[in-house]
Amino acid sequence: MYTFKKHEGEDVSLEILNSSISGMHNFLLQHDLLCNFQYAAFSFDQRFDMHHPEGFLNELVNSDSWRENIKASRGYELFTILEDSVTGVDFTKLSTTHTNMDFFNILFNEDSEVIRENTGKIVKCVPQFLDSITFYDTLRCLLWLEEDENYCLFDENERQEFIFDLFRFFATGGALCQPDEGVERYFDFTKKTYRDLLTVVKKDGKLQIVNH
């Protein structure tokens, strides 16, 4: 059995949630990312088995530390304390093999017409729909719609990269998102958050993830 304890202090604070950093707090508000976003860091007393994470995750979400700090969503901006025992956790394993923003250079491909290379502007398109969400530009279409002609710019392995998931989170926003016309801030936030959550070192001339 694991024992979990929530970390306190600035050493575990996400840089993007620090409202003193110029423009970041307003960005999160503009993109409707603050109202349903929760973050906490926990320590635990046993070795984590990366090959069998299910038991770890079940114990985490059923721990007192989790329930005291992370609330269950009951709808838009509606949260409540998780009272029932959790019997299963759905999760997706993400990779961290890519360590810099060159990963997204393909978005500037002239043939794809996703982002204008000279201006960084995101190319608009005819409205596309996914459930109750409407996409008005080619970037969000390729991030989510399998039938989009640019979806293949990233293969399925690349879409399982943590850096891709972060970028999609910022570029998509929440239900009341007011998106940027350019891609610059999406790249900036992805880079800052990736750097804040992972430790990247240079070893034998190559960049490696040593903490995640």
N, C-alpha and C. Protein backbone atom coordinates (compact mmCIF):
# COMPACT_ATOMS: atom_id res chain seq x y z
N MET A 1 0.83 -1.20 0.00
CA MET A 1 0.00 0.00 0.00
C MET A 1 0.87 1.25 0.00
N TYR A 2 0.50 2.18 -0.86
CA TYR A 2 1.21 3.45 -0.92
C TYR A 2 0.66 4.41 0.14
N THR A 3 1.53 5.30 0.60
CA THR A 3 1.11 6.43 1.41
C THR A 3 1.42 7.70 0.63
N PHE A 4 0.41 8.55 0.45
CA PHE A 4 0.57 9.77 -0.36
C PHE A 4 0.51 11.01 0.53
N LYS A 5 1.30 12.00 0.14
CA LYS A 5 1.32 13.27 0.86
C LYS A 5 1.45 14.40 -0.15
N LYS A 6 0.59 15.38 -0.02
CA LYS A 6 0.63 16.53 -0.93
C LYS A 6 1.82 17.42 -0.61
N HIS A 7 2.52 17.81 -1.68
CA HIS A 7 3.63 18.75 -1.52
C HIS A 7 3.08 20.16 -1.36
N GLU A 8 3.77 20.95 -0.57
CA GLU A 8 3.41 22.35 -0.39
C GLU A 8 4.60 23.21 -0.80
N GLY A 9 4.31 24.47 -1.19
CA GLY A 9 5.40 25.40 -1.46
C GLY A 9 5.58 25.69 -2.93
N GLU A 10 6.43 26.67 -3.21
CA GLU A 10 6.62 27.15 -4.57
C GLU A 10 7.34 26.15 -5.46
N ASP A 11 8.06 25.18 -4.84
CA ASP A 11 8.84 24.25 -5.64
C ASP A 11 7.97 23.34 -6.50
N VAL A 12 6.67 23.24 -6.20
CA VAL A 12 5.80 22.39 -7.00
C VAL A 12 4.73 23.20 -7.72
N SER A 13 4.86 24.52 -7.73
CA SER A 13 3.85 25.36 -8.38
C SER A 13 4.10 25.42 -9.88
N LEU A 14 3.08 25.12 -10.65
CA LEU A 14 3.21 25.24 -12.09
C LEU A 14 3.46 26.70 -12.47
N GLU A 15 4.47 26.91 -13.29
CA GLU A 15 4.81 28.27 -13.70
C GLU A 15 3.64 28.95 -14.39
N ILE A 16 2.86 28.19 -15.16
CA ILE A 16 1.77 28.80 -15.91
C ILE A 16 0.65 29.30 -15.02
N LEU A 17 0.57 28.81 -13.77
CA LEU A 17 -0.47 29.25 -12.86
C LEU A 17 -0.04 30.44 -12.02
N ASN A 18 1.20 30.89 -12.21
CA ASN A 18 1.72 32.03 -11.46
C ASN A 18 1.25 33.31 -12.13
N SER A 19 0.28 33.97 -11.52
CA SER A 19 -0.34 35.14 -12.14
C SER A 19 0.60 36.33 -12.25
N SER A 20 1.77 36.25 -11.58
CA SER A 20 2.72 37.35 -11.65
C SER A 20 3.51 37.33 -12.95
N ILE A 21 3.47 36.23 -13.69
CA ILE A 21 4.17 36.14 -14.96
C ILE A 21 3.31 36.82 -16.02
N SER A 22 3.93 37.73 -16.73
CA SER A 22 3.21 38.59 -17.67
C SER A 22 2.37 37.80 -18.67
N GLY A 23 1.07 38.09 -18.71
CA GLY A 23 0.18 37.58 -19.74
C GLY A 23 -0.37 36.19 -19.51
N MET A 24 0.20 35.41 -18.62
CA MET A 24 -0.20 34.01 -18.50
C MET A 24 -1.59 33.84 -17.89
N HIS A 25 -1.84 34.57 -16.82
CA HIS A 25 -3.15 34.44 -16.18
C HIS A 25 -4.27 34.85 -17.14
N ASN A 26 -4.06 35.94 -17.85
CA ASN A 26 -5.06 36.40 -18.81
C ASN A 26 -5.26 35.40 -19.94
N PHE A 27 -4.17 34.75 -20.35
CA PHE A 27 -4.28 33.74 -21.40
C PHE A 27 -5.20 32.60 -20.96
N LEU A 28 -4.98 32.12 -19.74
CA LEU A 28 -5.78 31.01 -19.24
C LEU A 28 -7.25 31.39 -19.10
N LEU A 29 -7.50 32.63 -18.69
CA LEU A 29 -8.88 33.12 -18.61
C LEU A 29 -9.50 33.23 -19.99
N GLN A 30 -8.76 33.81 -20.93
CA GLN A 30 -9.25 33.98 -22.29
C GLN A 30 -9.62 32.65 -22.94
N HIS A 31 -8.83 31.63 -22.63
CA HIS A 31 -9.06 30.32 -23.24
C HIS A 31 -9.89 29.39 -22.37
N ASP A 32 -10.47 29.95 -21.31
CA ASP A 32 -11.39 29.19 -20.46
C ASP A 32 -10.74 27.93 -19.89
N LEU A 33 -9.49 28.10 -19.40
CA LEU A 33 -8.73 26.95 -18.89
C LEU A 33 -8.56 26.96 -17.37
N LEU A 34 -8.98 28.03 -16.72
CA LEU A 34 -8.80 28.11 -15.27
C LEU A 34 -9.95 27.46 -14.49
N CYS A 35 -11.16 27.60 -14.99
CA CYS A 35 -12.34 27.23 -14.22
C CYS A 35 -12.40 25.73 -13.92
N ASN A 36 -11.90 24.88 -14.80
CA ASN A 36 -11.99 23.44 -14.59
C ASN A 36 -10.63 22.79 -14.45
N PHE A 37 -9.62 23.59 -14.13
CA PHE A 37 -8.25 23.08 -14.05
C PHE A 37 -7.81 22.93 -12.60
N GLN A 38 -7.33 21.74 -12.25
CA GLN A 38 -6.83 21.48 -10.90
C GLN A 38 -5.42 20.91 -10.98
N TYR A 39 -4.60 21.28 -10.02
CA TYR A 39 -3.23 20.81 -10.03
C TYR A 39 -2.72 20.63 -8.61
N ALA A 40 -2.05 19.51 -8.38
CA ALA A 40 -1.40 19.26 -7.09
C ALA A 40 -0.29 18.25 -7.32
N ALA A 41 0.73 18.29 -6.48
CA ALA A 41 1.85 17.34 -6.56
C ALA A 41 1.88 16.51 -5.29
N PHE A 42 2.07 15.21 -5.45
CA PHE A 42 2.06 14.30 -4.31
C PHE A 42 3.35 13.49 -4.27
N SER A 43 3.83 13.22 -3.05
CA SER A 43 4.94 12.29 -2.86
C SER A 43 4.38 10.96 -2.39
N PHE A 44 5.14 9.89 -2.57
CA PHE A 44 4.69 8.57 -2.14
C PHE A 44 5.90 7.78 -1.66
N ASP A 45 5.64 6.73 -0.90
CA ASP A 45 6.70 6.07 -0.12
C ASP A 45 7.19 4.74 -0.68
N GLN A 46 6.76 4.39 -1.90
CA GLN A 46 7.23 3.14 -2.49
C GLN A 46 7.68 3.39 -3.93
N ARG A 47 8.44 2.47 -4.45
CA ARG A 47 8.93 2.58 -5.82
C ARG A 47 7.78 2.43 -6.81
N PHE A 48 7.71 3.34 -7.76
CA PHE A 48 6.65 3.32 -8.75
C PHE A 48 7.00 2.35 -9.88
N ASP A 49 6.10 1.42 -10.16
CA ASP A 49 6.29 0.45 -11.24
C ASP A 49 5.64 0.99 -12.50
N MET A 50 6.47 1.47 -13.43
CA MET A 50 5.95 2.08 -14.65
C MET A 50 5.23 1.07 -15.55
N HIS A 51 5.51 -0.21 -15.36
CA HIS A 51 4.88 -1.23 -16.21
C HIS A 51 3.51 -1.65 -15.69
N HIS A 52 3.18 -1.31 -14.45
CA HIS A 52 1.88 -1.66 -13.87
C HIS A 52 1.34 -0.47 -13.07
N PRO A 53 0.93 0.58 -13.78
CA PRO A 53 0.49 1.81 -13.08
C PRO A 53 -0.94 1.75 -12.53
N GLU A 54 -1.71 0.73 -12.91
CA GLU A 54 -3.13 0.71 -12.53
C GLU A 54 -3.32 0.72 -11.02
N GLY A 55 -2.58 -0.14 -10.31
CA GLY A 55 -2.72 -0.20 -8.86
C GLY A 55 -2.32 1.10 -8.19
N PHE A 56 -1.24 1.71 -8.69
CA PHE A 56 -0.79 2.99 -8.15
C PHE A 56 -1.87 4.06 -8.30
N LEU A 57 -2.46 4.16 -9.47
CA LEU A 57 -3.47 5.18 -9.73
C LEU A 57 -4.73 4.95 -8.91
N ASN A 58 -5.13 3.71 -8.76
CA ASN A 58 -6.30 3.41 -7.94
C ASN A 58 -6.09 3.82 -6.48
N GLU A 59 -4.90 3.51 -5.96
CA GLU A 59 -4.61 3.89 -4.59
C GLU A 59 -4.50 5.41 -4.43
N LEU A 60 -3.96 6.06 -5.45
CA LEU A 60 -3.83 7.52 -5.39
C LEU A 60 -5.18 8.20 -5.30
N VAL A 61 -6.10 7.88 -6.20
CA VAL A 61 -7.39 8.57 -6.24
C VAL A 61 -8.29 8.18 -5.06
N ASN A 62 -7.97 7.09 -4.38
CA ASN A 62 -8.73 6.70 -3.19
C ASN A 62 -8.08 7.16 -1.89
N SER A 63 -6.92 7.81 -2.00
CA SER A 63 -6.21 8.25 -0.80
C SER A 63 -6.85 9.51 -0.21
N ASP A 64 -6.66 9.71 1.09
CA ASP A 64 -7.18 10.91 1.75
C ASP A 64 -6.53 12.17 1.18
N SER A 65 -5.24 12.11 0.84
CA SER A 65 -4.54 13.28 0.30
C SER A 65 -5.17 13.73 -1.01
N TRP A 66 -5.52 12.78 -1.86
CA TRP A 66 -6.16 13.12 -3.13
C TRP A 66 -7.53 13.74 -2.89
N ARG A 67 -8.33 13.11 -2.08
CA ARG A 67 -9.70 13.57 -1.86
C ARG A 67 -9.75 14.94 -1.18
N GLU A 68 -8.74 15.25 -0.40
CA GLU A 68 -8.70 16.55 0.28
C GLU A 68 -8.27 17.68 -0.66
N ASN A 69 -7.64 17.35 -1.76
CA ASN A 69 -7.05 18.38 -2.61
C ASN A 69 -7.57 18.42 -4.04
N ILE A 70 -8.13 17.32 -4.52
CA ILE A 70 -8.66 17.26 -5.88
C ILE A 70 -10.14 16.94 -5.81
N LYS A 71 -10.95 17.80 -6.40
CA LYS A 71 -12.41 17.62 -6.36
C LYS A 71 -12.89 16.91 -7.63
N ALA A 72 -14.03 16.26 -7.53
CA ALA A 72 -14.64 15.58 -8.66
C ALA A 72 -15.51 16.57 -9.43
N SER A 73 -15.43 16.53 -10.75
CA SER A 73 -16.23 17.42 -11.59
C SER A 73 -17.64 16.87 -11.76
N ARG A 74 -18.62 17.76 -11.57
CA ARG A 74 -20.02 17.40 -11.77
C ARG A 74 -20.64 18.22 -12.90
N GLY A 75 -19.78 18.85 -13.69
CA GLY A 75 -20.26 19.72 -14.76
C GLY A 75 -19.41 20.97 -14.81
N TYR A 76 -19.74 21.88 -15.71
CA TYR A 76 -18.95 23.09 -15.91
C TYR A 76 -18.89 23.92 -14.63
N GLU A 77 -17.68 24.10 -14.09
CA GLU A 77 -17.42 24.87 -12.87
C GLU A 77 -18.14 24.30 -11.64
N LEU A 78 -18.54 23.02 -11.69
CA LEU A 78 -19.20 22.39 -10.56
C LEU A 78 -18.31 21.27 -10.02
N PHE A 79 -17.86 21.42 -8.77
CA PHE A 79 -16.97 20.44 -8.17
C PHE A 79 -17.50 20.01 -6.81
N THR A 80 -17.19 18.78 -6.46
CA THR A 80 -17.61 18.27 -5.17
C THR A 80 -16.56 17.28 -4.66
N ILE A 81 -16.56 17.03 -3.37
CA ILE A 81 -15.62 16.07 -2.79
C ILE A 81 -16.00 14.66 -3.24
N LEU A 82 -14.99 13.91 -3.65
CA LEU A 82 -15.22 12.53 -4.08
C LEU A 82 -15.46 11.65 -2.85
N GLU A 83 -16.68 11.16 -2.72
CA GLU A 83 -17.05 10.39 -1.53
C GLU A 83 -17.04 8.88 -1.78
N ASP A 84 -17.45 8.46 -2.97
CA ASP A 84 -17.52 7.04 -3.27
C ASP A 84 -16.12 6.48 -3.57
N SER A 85 -15.96 5.20 -3.30
CA SER A 85 -14.70 4.53 -3.59
C SER A 85 -14.54 4.35 -5.10
N VAL A 86 -13.35 4.59 -5.61
CA VAL A 86 -13.07 4.43 -7.03
C VAL A 86 -12.58 3.00 -7.28
N THR A 87 -13.20 2.32 -8.22
CA THR A 87 -12.85 0.92 -8.48
C THR A 87 -12.01 0.75 -9.74
N GLY A 88 -11.89 1.80 -10.56
CA GLY A 88 -11.10 1.71 -11.78
C GLY A 88 -10.76 3.09 -12.29
N VAL A 89 -9.62 3.21 -12.96
CA VAL A 89 -9.16 4.49 -13.48
C VAL A 89 -8.81 4.33 -14.96
N ASP A 90 -9.40 5.16 -15.81
CA ASP A 90 -9.04 5.21 -17.23
C ASP A 90 -7.87 6.17 -17.40
N PHE A 91 -6.85 5.75 -18.11
CA PHE A 91 -5.69 6.62 -18.30
C PHE A 91 -5.03 6.28 -19.63
N THR A 92 -4.20 7.21 -20.08
CA THR A 92 -3.44 7.03 -21.32
C THR A 92 -1.96 7.23 -21.03
N LYS A 93 -1.15 6.28 -21.41
CA LYS A 93 0.29 6.43 -21.26
C LYS A 93 0.83 7.37 -22.34
N LEU A 94 1.62 8.34 -21.92
CA LEU A 94 2.21 9.29 -22.85
C LEU A 94 3.72 9.15 -22.84
N SER A 95 4.34 9.38 -23.99
CA SER A 95 5.80 9.28 -24.12
C SER A 95 6.45 10.65 -23.96
N THR A 96 7.74 10.64 -23.65
CA THR A 96 8.51 11.89 -23.52
C THR A 96 9.81 11.78 -24.31
N THR A 97 9.72 11.24 -25.52
CA THR A 97 10.92 11.06 -26.34
C THR A 97 11.34 12.34 -27.05
N HIS A 98 10.40 13.26 -27.26
CA HIS A 98 10.71 14.54 -27.92
C HIS A 98 10.95 15.60 -26.85
N THR A 99 12.04 16.34 -26.98
CA THR A 99 12.47 17.25 -25.91
C THR A 99 12.52 18.71 -26.33
N ASN A 100 12.12 19.06 -27.56
CA ASN A 100 12.13 20.47 -27.94
C ASN A 100 11.00 20.77 -28.91
N MET A 101 10.83 22.04 -29.21
CA MET A 101 9.70 22.48 -30.02
C MET A 101 9.87 22.23 -31.52
N ASP A 102 11.01 21.70 -31.94
CA ASP A 102 11.18 21.32 -33.35
C ASP A 102 10.15 20.28 -33.76
N PHE A 103 9.60 19.61 -32.78
CA PHE A 103 8.56 18.60 -33.01
C PHE A 103 7.41 19.17 -33.84
N PHE A 104 7.15 20.48 -33.71
CA PHE A 104 6.00 21.09 -34.37
C PHE A 104 6.34 21.81 -35.67
N ASN A 105 7.57 21.69 -36.13
CA ASN A 105 7.98 22.39 -37.35
C ASN A 105 7.13 22.00 -38.56
N ILE A 106 6.62 20.78 -38.55
CA ILE A 106 5.83 20.30 -39.68
C ILE A 106 4.55 21.13 -39.88
N LEU A 107 4.11 21.84 -38.84
CA LEU A 107 2.91 22.66 -38.96
C LEU A 107 3.10 23.82 -39.92
N PHE A 108 4.36 24.16 -40.21
CA PHE A 108 4.66 25.27 -41.12
C PHE A 108 4.86 24.79 -42.56
N ASN A 109 4.57 23.54 -42.81
CA ASN A 109 4.69 22.98 -44.15
C ASN A 109 3.77 23.74 -45.11
N GLU A 110 4.33 24.21 -46.21
CA GLU A 110 3.54 25.02 -47.17
C GLU A 110 2.38 24.23 -47.75
N ASP A 111 2.55 22.93 -47.94
CA ASP A 111 1.50 22.12 -48.55
C ASP A 111 0.30 21.93 -47.62
N SER A 112 0.55 21.94 -46.31
CA SER A 112 -0.54 21.69 -45.36
C SER A 112 -1.40 22.92 -45.09
N GLU A 113 -0.82 24.11 -45.21
CA GLU A 113 -1.54 25.36 -44.97
C GLU A 113 -2.24 25.36 -43.61
N VAL A 114 -1.47 25.11 -42.58
CA VAL A 114 -1.99 25.16 -41.21
C VAL A 114 -1.60 26.47 -40.54
N ILE A 115 -0.31 26.82 -40.63
CA ILE A 115 0.21 28.04 -40.04
C ILE A 115 1.06 28.77 -41.07
N ARG A 116 0.84 30.07 -41.23
CA ARG A 116 1.64 30.88 -42.15
C ARG A 116 3.04 31.06 -41.57
N GLU A 117 4.04 30.62 -42.30
CA GLU A 117 5.41 30.64 -41.77
C GLU A 117 5.91 32.06 -41.53
N ASN A 118 5.53 33.00 -42.37
CA ASN A 118 6.05 34.37 -42.24
C ASN A 118 5.37 35.17 -41.14
N THR A 119 4.15 34.80 -40.76
CA THR A 119 3.41 35.57 -39.74
C THR A 119 3.05 34.78 -38.50
N GLY A 120 3.04 33.45 -38.58
CA GLY A 120 2.60 32.63 -37.46
C GLY A 120 1.09 32.57 -37.31
N LYS A 121 0.37 33.12 -38.27
CA LYS A 121 -1.10 33.12 -38.20
C LYS A 121 -1.66 31.73 -38.51
N ILE A 122 -2.71 31.38 -37.79
CA ILE A 122 -3.38 30.10 -38.00
C ILE A 122 -4.39 30.26 -39.13
N VAL A 123 -4.36 29.35 -40.09
CA VAL A 123 -5.23 29.45 -41.27
C VAL A 123 -6.66 29.07 -40.89
N LYS A 124 -7.61 29.91 -41.29
CA LYS A 124 -9.03 29.66 -41.02
C LYS A 124 -9.58 28.63 -42.01
N CYS A 125 -10.73 28.07 -41.66
CA CYS A 125 -11.35 27.09 -42.54
C CYS A 125 -12.87 27.13 -42.36
N VAL A 126 -13.56 26.37 -43.20
CA VAL A 126 -15.00 26.23 -43.05
C VAL A 126 -15.27 25.52 -41.72
N PRO A 127 -16.25 25.97 -40.94
CA PRO A 127 -16.52 25.36 -39.63
C PRO A 127 -16.67 23.84 -39.69
N GLN A 128 -15.98 23.16 -38.78
CA GLN A 128 -16.06 21.71 -38.66
C GLN A 128 -16.56 21.38 -37.25
N PHE A 129 -17.20 20.22 -37.09
CA PHE A 129 -17.86 19.93 -35.82
C PHE A 129 -17.40 18.60 -35.23
N LEU A 130 -17.23 18.59 -33.92
CA LEU A 130 -16.93 17.38 -33.17
C LEU A 130 -17.80 17.41 -31.92
N ASP A 131 -18.83 16.55 -31.91
CA ASP A 131 -19.82 16.58 -30.83
C ASP A 131 -20.41 18.00 -30.74
N SER A 132 -20.25 18.68 -29.61
CA SER A 132 -20.81 20.03 -29.44
C SER A 132 -19.77 21.12 -29.69
N ILE A 133 -18.57 20.73 -30.17
CA ILE A 133 -17.49 21.68 -30.37
C ILE A 133 -17.40 22.06 -31.84
N THR A 134 -17.20 23.34 -32.10
CA THR A 134 -17.02 23.83 -33.47
C THR A 134 -15.61 24.34 -33.65
N PHE A 135 -14.95 23.90 -34.71
CA PHE A 135 -13.60 24.34 -35.04
C PHE A 135 -13.65 25.27 -36.24
N TYR A 136 -12.95 26.41 -36.11
CA TYR A 136 -12.97 27.40 -37.17
C TYR A 136 -11.61 27.57 -37.86
N ASP A 137 -10.64 26.72 -37.52
CA ASP A 137 -9.33 26.86 -38.15
C ASP A 137 -8.71 25.49 -38.38
N THR A 138 -7.70 25.46 -39.24
CA THR A 138 -7.09 24.20 -39.65
C THR A 138 -6.27 23.56 -38.53
N LEU A 139 -5.75 24.36 -37.61
CA LEU A 139 -4.94 23.80 -36.52
C LEU A 139 -5.77 22.89 -35.63
N ARG A 140 -6.89 23.37 -35.14
CA ARG A 140 -7.72 22.57 -34.24
C ARG A 140 -8.34 21.38 -34.96
N CYS A 141 -8.60 21.53 -36.26
CA CYS A 141 -9.12 20.40 -37.04
C CYS A 141 -8.11 19.26 -37.09
N LEU A 142 -6.84 19.58 -37.37
CA LEU A 142 -5.85 18.50 -37.47
C LEU A 142 -5.54 17.90 -36.10
N LEU A 143 -5.75 18.67 -35.02
CA LEU A 143 -5.50 18.15 -33.69
C LEU A 143 -6.54 17.12 -33.26
N TRP A 144 -7.76 17.23 -33.80
CA TRP A 144 -8.85 16.40 -33.29
C TRP A 144 -9.58 15.55 -34.32
N LEU A 145 -9.68 15.99 -35.56
CA LEU A 145 -10.55 15.33 -36.52
C LEU A 145 -9.78 14.33 -37.38
N GLU A 146 -10.07 13.05 -37.23
CA GLU A 146 -9.35 12.01 -37.98
C GLU A 146 -9.58 12.13 -39.48
N GLU A 147 -10.72 12.67 -39.87
CA GLU A 147 -11.01 12.79 -41.29
C GLU A 147 -10.38 14.02 -41.93
N ASP A 148 -9.74 14.88 -41.11
CA ASP A 148 -9.11 16.08 -41.65
C ASP A 148 -7.91 15.71 -42.52
N GLU A 149 -7.73 16.46 -43.62
CA GLU A 149 -6.66 16.14 -44.56
C GLU A 149 -5.27 16.32 -43.97
N ASN A 150 -5.16 17.10 -42.89
CA ASN A 150 -3.86 17.32 -42.26
C ASN A 150 -3.63 16.46 -41.01
N TYR A 151 -4.59 15.62 -40.68
CA TYR A 151 -4.47 14.79 -39.48
C TYR A 151 -3.21 13.94 -39.52
N CYS A 152 -2.83 13.50 -40.70
CA CYS A 152 -1.68 12.60 -40.87
C CYS A 152 -0.33 13.29 -40.66
N LEU A 153 -0.31 14.60 -40.45
CA LEU A 153 0.96 15.28 -40.19
C LEU A 153 1.63 14.72 -38.94
N PHE A 154 0.83 14.24 -38.01
CA PHE A 154 1.34 13.56 -36.82
C PHE A 154 0.79 12.14 -36.79
N ASP A 155 1.67 11.16 -36.71
CA ASP A 155 1.19 9.78 -36.66
C ASP A 155 0.70 9.46 -35.24
N GLU A 156 0.20 8.25 -35.05
CA GLU A 156 -0.42 7.90 -33.77
C GLU A 156 0.60 7.87 -32.63
N ASN A 157 1.82 7.48 -32.92
CA ASN A 157 2.86 7.50 -31.87
C ASN A 157 3.18 8.93 -31.45
N GLU A 158 3.24 9.83 -32.41
CA GLU A 158 3.53 11.24 -32.10
C GLU A 158 2.39 11.87 -31.32
N ARG A 159 1.18 11.41 -31.57
CA ARG A 159 0.02 11.94 -30.84
C ARG A 159 -0.03 11.44 -29.40
N GLN A 160 0.78 10.45 -29.10
CA GLN A 160 0.89 9.95 -27.72
C GLN A 160 2.06 10.57 -26.99
N GLU A 161 2.66 11.61 -27.57
CA GLU A 161 3.74 12.33 -26.90
C GLU A 161 3.15 13.36 -25.93
N PHE A 162 3.77 13.47 -24.76
CA PHE A 162 3.31 14.41 -23.75
C PHE A 162 3.32 15.84 -24.28
N ILE A 163 4.33 16.20 -25.08
CA ILE A 163 4.44 17.56 -25.60
C ILE A 163 3.30 17.86 -26.57
N PHE A 164 2.85 16.85 -27.33
CA PHE A 164 1.71 17.02 -28.23
C PHE A 164 0.43 17.23 -27.42
N ASP A 165 0.27 16.46 -26.36
CA ASP A 165 -0.92 16.56 -25.53
C ASP A 165 -1.02 17.94 -24.86
N LEU A 166 0.11 18.46 -24.40
CA LEU A 166 0.12 19.80 -23.80
C LEU A 166 -0.26 20.86 -24.83
N PHE A 167 0.32 20.76 -26.00
CA PHE A 167 0.03 21.73 -27.05
C PHE A 167 -1.45 21.69 -27.42
N ARG A 168 -2.00 20.51 -27.55
CA ARG A 168 -3.42 20.38 -27.89
C ARG A 168 -4.31 20.96 -26.80
N PHE A 169 -3.90 20.78 -25.54
CA PHE A 169 -4.65 21.33 -24.41
C PHE A 169 -4.73 22.85 -24.51
N PHE A 170 -3.59 23.51 -24.74
CA PHE A 170 -3.57 24.97 -24.81
C PHE A 170 -4.24 25.49 -26.07
N ALA A 171 -4.00 24.83 -27.19
CA ALA A 171 -4.53 25.31 -28.46
C ALA A 171 -6.04 25.11 -28.58
N THR A 172 -6.59 24.14 -27.87
CA THR A 172 -8.02 23.86 -27.94
C THR A 172 -8.81 24.74 -26.97
N GLY A 173 -8.35 24.83 -25.73
CA GLY A 173 -9.04 25.65 -24.74
C GLY A 173 -10.30 24.98 -24.22
N GLY A 174 -11.07 25.75 -23.45
CA GLY A 174 -12.30 25.24 -22.87
C GLY A 174 -13.53 25.58 -23.69
N ALA A 175 -14.70 25.35 -23.08
CA ALA A 175 -15.98 25.52 -23.79
C ALA A 175 -16.20 26.95 -24.25
N LEU A 176 -15.72 27.92 -23.48
CA LEU A 176 -15.93 29.34 -23.81
C LEU A 176 -14.63 30.00 -24.28
N CYS A 177 -13.78 29.21 -24.93
CA CYS A 177 -12.48 29.69 -25.39
C CYS A 177 -12.61 30.80 -26.43
N GLN A 178 -11.77 31.82 -26.30
CA GLN A 178 -11.62 32.85 -27.31
C GLN A 178 -10.20 32.69 -27.89
N PRO A 179 -10.05 31.92 -28.96
CA PRO A 179 -8.73 31.52 -29.44
C PRO A 179 -7.91 32.67 -30.03
N ASP A 180 -6.59 32.51 -29.97
CA ASP A 180 -5.67 33.45 -30.60
C ASP A 180 -5.70 33.24 -32.11
N GLU A 181 -5.36 34.28 -32.84
CA GLU A 181 -5.24 34.15 -34.29
C GLU A 181 -3.89 33.58 -34.71
N GLY A 182 -2.89 33.75 -33.84
CA GLY A 182 -1.56 33.24 -34.12
C GLY A 182 -1.20 32.10 -33.19
N VAL A 183 -0.11 31.39 -33.51
CA VAL A 183 0.27 30.19 -32.77
C VAL A 183 1.33 30.47 -31.70
N GLU A 184 1.89 31.68 -31.67
CA GLU A 184 3.04 31.98 -30.82
C GLU A 184 2.81 31.63 -29.34
N ARG A 185 1.69 32.07 -28.79
CA ARG A 185 1.47 31.85 -27.35
C ARG A 185 1.21 30.38 -27.04
N TYR A 186 0.64 29.63 -27.97
CA TYR A 186 0.43 28.20 -27.75
C TYR A 186 1.77 27.48 -27.65
N PHE A 187 2.71 27.85 -28.52
CA PHE A 187 4.06 27.28 -28.44
C PHE A 187 4.74 27.69 -27.14
N ASP A 188 4.58 28.95 -26.77
CA ASP A 188 5.25 29.47 -25.58
C ASP A 188 4.75 28.76 -24.32
N PHE A 189 3.46 28.58 -24.21
CA PHE A 189 2.90 27.92 -23.03
C PHE A 189 3.26 26.45 -22.99
N THR A 190 3.27 25.81 -24.14
CA THR A 190 3.67 24.40 -24.20
C THR A 190 5.11 24.23 -23.75
N LYS A 191 5.99 25.07 -24.23
CA LYS A 191 7.41 24.99 -23.87
C LYS A 191 7.62 25.22 -22.38
N LYS A 192 6.98 26.25 -21.82
CA LYS A 192 7.14 26.57 -20.40
C LYS A 192 6.61 25.46 -19.51
N THR A 193 5.47 24.91 -19.86
CA THR A 193 4.87 23.86 -19.04
C THR A 193 5.67 22.57 -19.12
N TYR A 194 6.10 22.21 -20.30
CA TYR A 194 6.91 21.02 -20.49
C TYR A 194 8.18 21.11 -19.66
N ARG A 195 8.81 22.27 -19.70
CA ARG A 195 10.05 22.50 -18.94
C ARG A 195 9.78 22.48 -17.44
N ASP A 196 8.60 22.93 -17.04
CA ASP A 196 8.24 23.01 -15.63
C ASP A 196 7.94 21.63 -15.03
N LEU A 197 7.40 20.74 -15.84
CA LEU A 197 6.97 19.44 -15.35
C LEU A 197 8.03 18.35 -15.51
N LEU A 198 8.95 18.52 -16.46
CA LEU A 198 9.96 17.51 -16.73
C LEU A 198 11.36 18.08 -16.55
N THR A 199 12.29 17.21 -16.22
CA THR A 199 13.69 17.61 -16.13
C THR A 199 14.44 17.02 -17.32
N VAL A 200 15.02 17.88 -18.13
CA VAL A 200 15.76 17.45 -19.32
C VAL A 200 17.23 17.77 -19.12
N VAL A 201 18.10 16.76 -19.32
CA VAL A 201 19.54 16.96 -19.20
C VAL A 201 20.23 16.50 -20.47
N LYS A 202 21.45 17.00 -20.68
CA LYS A 202 22.24 16.60 -21.83
C LYS A 202 23.26 15.57 -21.39
N LYS A 203 23.20 14.37 -21.97
CA LYS A 203 24.09 13.28 -21.61
C LYS A 203 24.64 12.63 -22.88
N ASP A 204 25.97 12.57 -22.97
CA ASP A 204 26.62 12.02 -24.16
C ASP A 204 26.16 12.73 -25.43
N GLY A 205 25.95 14.05 -25.32
CA GLY A 205 25.56 14.84 -26.47
C GLY A 205 24.11 14.76 -26.85
N LYS A 206 23.30 14.04 -26.05
CA LYS A 206 21.89 13.90 -26.36
C LYS A 206 21.04 14.38 -25.17
N LEU A 207 19.87 14.94 -25.48
CA LEU A 207 18.95 15.37 -24.42
C LEU A 207 18.15 14.17 -23.93
N GLN A 208 18.03 14.04 -22.61
CA GLN A 208 17.29 12.93 -22.02
C GLN A 208 16.39 13.43 -20.91
N ILE A 209 15.24 12.77 -20.75
CA ILE A 209 14.32 13.04 -19.65
C ILE A 209 14.78 12.22 -18.46
N VAL A 210 15.04 12.89 -17.33
CA VAL A 210 15.49 12.17 -16.14
C VAL A 210 14.48 12.23 -15.01
N ASN A 211 13.43 13.04 -15.16
CA ASN A 211 12.42 13.15 -14.11
C ASN A 211 11.09 13.43 -14.75
N HIS A 212 10.07 12.60 -14.46
CA HIS A 212 8.74 12.83 -15.03
C HIS A 212 7.70 12.20 -14.16
